[in-house]
Amino acid sequence: MKLLAPAMLALAVAACAAPLLPEPSPADASSPEAPAVASPYQPVMAGTAPHLPVGLKPWRELNDSVAPPARRPQ
């Protein structure tokens, strides 16, 4: 029983310790010696479609087009 408390304390302290980080290699992106890869310029708005306002439609036709089909009475 006397050994249980120190063992639990050591386990708790070891659980809070951070693992050692590996040294970055030259191929690692976070390394200062990593080669810079050139990427071509691509505009942000490339490939977008123009969205223009459209005229109003009758609300009844719009509601009827999205409404579920009417069920026959039983």
C-alpha atoms as a PDB file:
ATOM      1  CA  MET A   1       0.000   0.000   0.000  1.00  0.00           C
ATOM      2  CA  LYS A   2       2.928   2.337   0.690  1.00  0.00           C
ATOM      3  CA  LEU A   3       4.192   1.777  -2.867  1.00  0.00           C
ATOM      4  CA  LEU A   4       0.828   2.483  -4.501  1.00  0.00           C
ATOM      5  CA  ALA A   5       0.707   6.255  -3.847  1.00  0.00           C
ATOM      6  CA  PRO A   6       4.210   7.034  -5.243  1.00  0.00           C
ATOM      7  CA  ALA A   7       3.569   4.771  -8.216  1.00  0.00           C
ATOM      8  CA  MET A   8       0.312   6.576  -9.019  1.00  0.00           C
ATOM      9  CA  LEU A   9       2.016   9.954  -8.601  1.00  0.00           C
ATOM     10  CA  ALA A  10       4.807   8.907 -10.975  1.00  0.00           C
ATOM     11  CA  LEU A  11       2.249   7.650 -13.489  1.00  0.00           C
ATOM     12  CA  ALA A  12       0.309  10.923 -13.306  1.00  0.00           C
ATOM     13  CA  VAL A  13       3.451  13.018 -13.788  1.00  0.00           C
ATOM     14  CA  ALA A  14       4.577  10.834 -16.697  1.00  0.00           C
ATOM     15  CA  ALA A  15       1.162  11.189 -18.359  1.00  0.00           C
ATOM     16  CA  CYS A  16       1.496  14.987 -18.340  1.00  0.00           C
ATOM     17  CA  ALA A  17       4.955  14.995 -19.919  1.00  0.00           C
ATOM     18  CA  ALA A  18       5.130  15.971 -23.590  1.00  0.00           C
ATOM     19  CA  PRO A  19       6.830  13.533 -25.978  1.00  0.00           C
ATOM     20  CA  LEU A  20      10.082  14.580 -27.609  1.00  0.00           C
ATOM     21  CA  LEU A  21       9.659  16.139 -31.040  1.00  0.00           C
ATOM     22  CA  PRO A  22      11.684  14.725 -33.927  1.00  0.00           C
ATOM     23  CA  GLU A  23      14.226  16.936 -35.688  1.00  0.00           C
ATOM     24  CA  PRO A  24      12.842  18.303 -38.969  1.00  0.00           C
ATOM     25  CA  SER A  25      14.453  16.786 -42.051  1.00  0.00           C
ATOM     26  CA  PRO A  26      15.258  18.842 -45.174  1.00  0.00           C
ATOM     27  CA  ALA A  27      12.223  17.269 -46.886  1.00  0.00           C
ATOM     28  CA  ASP A  28       9.916  18.397 -44.059  1.00  0.00           C
ATOM     29  CA  ALA A  29       7.765  21.418 -44.925  1.00  0.00           C
ATOM     30  CA  SER A  30       8.445  23.068 -41.560  1.00  0.00           C
ATOM     31  CA  SER A  31      12.205  22.949 -42.076  1.00  0.00           C
ATOM     32  CA  PRO A  32      13.908  26.255 -43.016  1.00  0.00           C
ATOM     33  CA  GLU A  33      16.055  24.329 -45.523  1.00  0.00           C
ATOM     34  CA  ALA A  34      12.985  22.885 -47.295  1.00  0.00           C
ATOM     35  CA  PRO A  35      12.854  23.728 -51.008  1.00  0.00           C
ATOM     36  CA  ALA A  36      10.150  26.167 -52.093  1.00  0.00           C
ATOM     37  CA  VAL A  37       7.796  24.694 -54.678  1.00  0.00           C
ATOM     38  CA  ALA A  38       6.637  27.203 -57.269  1.00  0.00           C
ATOM     39  CA  SER A  39       2.930  27.179 -58.025  1.00  0.00           C
ATOM     40  CA  PRO A  40       1.350  28.990 -60.972  1.00  0.00           C
ATOM     41  CA  TYR A  41      -0.875  31.992 -60.338  1.00  0.00           C
ATOM     42  CA  GLN A  42      -4.591  31.198 -60.291  1.00  0.00           C
ATOM     43  CA  PRO A  43      -7.078  34.055 -59.915  1.00  0.00           C
ATOM     44  CA  VAL A  44      -9.520  33.691 -57.057  1.00  0.00           C
ATOM     45  CA  MET A  45     -12.509  34.329 -59.307  1.00  0.00           C
ATOM     46  CA  ALA A  46     -11.449  31.850 -62.017  1.00  0.00           C
ATOM     47  CA  GLY A  47     -14.220  29.464 -63.001  1.00  0.00           C
ATOM     48  CA  THR A  48     -17.089  31.303 -61.336  1.00  0.00           C
ATOM     49  CA  ALA A  49     -20.364  31.803 -63.161  1.00  0.00           C
ATOM     50  CA  PRO A  50     -22.025  35.215 -63.287  1.00  0.00           C
ATOM     51  CA  HIS A  51     -25.168  35.450 -61.167  1.00  0.00           C
ATOM     52  CA  LEU A  52     -27.596  38.062 -62.393  1.00  0.00           C
ATOM     53  CA  PRO A  53     -30.984  38.959 -60.960  1.00  0.00           C
ATOM     54  CA  VAL A  54     -33.936  37.260 -62.615  1.00  0.00           C
ATOM     55  CA  GLY A  55     -37.513  38.379 -62.996  1.00  0.00           C
ATOM     56  CA  LEU A  56     -40.212  37.466 -60.512  1.00  0.00           C
ATOM     57  CA  LYS A  57     -42.421  34.441 -61.120  1.00  0.00           C
ATOM     58  CA  PRO A  58     -45.966  33.934 -59.854  1.00  0.00           C
ATOM     59  CA  TRP A  59     -45.809  32.527 -56.326  1.00  0.00           C
ATOM     60  CA  ARG A  60     -48.521  29.933 -56.955  1.00  0.00           C
ATOM     61  CA  GLU A  61     -46.493  28.234 -59.716  1.00  0.00           C
ATOM     62  CA  LEU A  62     -43.384  28.188 -57.528  1.00  0.00           C
ATOM     63  CA  ASN A  63     -45.272  26.647 -54.605  1.00  0.00           C
ATOM     64  CA  ASP A  64     -46.914  24.049 -56.823  1.00  0.00           C
ATOM     65  CA  SER A  65     -43.589  23.091 -58.405  1.00  0.00           C
ATOM     66  CA  VAL A  66     -41.949  22.288 -55.063  1.00  0.00           C
ATOM     67  CA  ALA A  67     -44.969  20.871 -53.215  1.00  0.00           C
ATOM     68  CA  PRO A  68     -45.220  17.110 -52.693  1.00  0.00           C
ATOM     69  CA  PRO A  69     -47.744  15.372 -54.937  1.00  0.00           C
ATOM     70  CA  ALA A  70     -51.307  15.471 -53.660  1.00  0.00           C
ATOM     71  CA  ARG A  71     -52.501  12.230 -52.050  1.00  0.00           C
ATOM     72  CA  ARG A  72     -55.826  10.790 -52.952  1.00  0.00           C
ATOM     73  CA  PRO A  73     -58.328  10.682 -50.077  1.00  0.00           C
ATOM     74  CA  GLN A  74     -58.829   7.219 -48.617  1.00  0.00           C
END
